[in-house]
Amino acid sequence: MNQFSKEHISVASNASGRKMHVPVYRFKGQAPGPKVYIQSSIHGAEVQGNVVIYHLIEFLKVNPIRGEIVLVPNCNPVGTNIKSGEYTLGRFDPVNGQNWNRGYYYDESMITEFVDSLTGELSLEEIKPIFKEKMKQAIESELNKPWGIGLASRLNLQLQSLALDADIVIDLHNGPVATRHIYVPEYAKESARYFNIPHIIYIPNQFSGALDEATFCHWWTLVDKLSVKFPAQLWETPVEAFTLEMGSQEVIDFESGQYDANGILSYLNHKGFLVESDIEPDNINRYSVFLKDYKILYSQDGGIVEYKVKPGQHVNKGEVIANVLNVDELENENAVSHIYAPDDLIVILHFPSASVLCGTQLYKCFVNYTKL
């Protein structure tokens, strides 16, 4: 069976100087195979991923694998504990204001210098360990800057160090009020079919600070530059990384967690990670867009909002998707205004509160979508 180990690593320290730790669960199979890294709850209110990891651990206790998997639930204990009344406010570093999912390392100039340093016709398998060591040194250098770094960046870089050696990286998230959706690098489109997730966003080679991008942008850019320098060889990006959004934040659901765990296992089975497994993806409708067609609908005015459509719902252009109540005009015809769909769309998520300021990200939607 699989070899199991557990450790705790320190990712931060509080104002009393006490270390804050997270658990790291490792399962290693008897046969060689891919290395997998999965984390959850980098944003404090996004807790469903912890249930998914629980179900994955239950599966890994009794089912053999090839390769190794590292699981880090509740990877941001600082964010998890930032509460205001009944709400978790753990989306931003409270000291510096940085999004907890925007402090990972990426440096294209480092990749350029690395490729320029290559003189011989090496294979990708020969290049991979050298490049990983280069990234490891770069991350350690960031962590040890003489002027220091912010709390979010420090936590992110320590997690990125754990993920550095993985062939597959999966970051588990939740939206505010959302349906399941997944961010997939454009070169890995086929992999989207193996998760039980109906809404797919294809991401270009564009770094915005998140863990999936910090993973695939390094390797994607490396392969692009190798293809230019050594055009006679066939180069394929050797690493895949995804952000999975599994519904709404601030709640957990064990049955849904089992479903999402099965979807991850279906993908890992496709990648040869499971031994003699018949886990397959569900036969569901899947819709995809490129990132440019994942649109935000902002509120034009403030007010109290009734959301008329649910996440996952298909809407025609011109349909009413929200009603807005203006409490300063309750006695006249201006009391209620309507928000109309600006295009044919699929609602993916909406703002969690009925009280809305002008300029709020009210809905996020797919337009120009394609059915797989």
Foldseek 3Di string as FASTA:
>chain_A
DWDKDKDWDFQDADPVRHTDIWMKIKTAAPAAAFEEEEEEPLAQQFQQVVLLVVLLVVCSVPFGWHGMYIYIYNLDVVQVPCDDVLDRPRQADPPPGHGLFAQEDDDLVLLVVVLVPDDDDDDPVVVVVVVLVSVLVVLVCLCVPVVHDDSSNSSNSVSLNVCSRGQEYEYEGAAAAFAKEKEWEPLPVVLVQQAQGAEYEYEYLDRRRGSQNRPQNSQVSNQVSCCVVPVVDDDDRRHTYMYIHHGHTNDYDNVSSNNRSLSVVSSVVVRRTGDPDPRTHDPDKHKYDYPVQFDFDFAQAWAFKDAQDHAFDWDAFFDFGMKGADPVPCVDPPRIDTDTHHHGWGWGGADNGRGDHGGDRGTTIGDPMDID
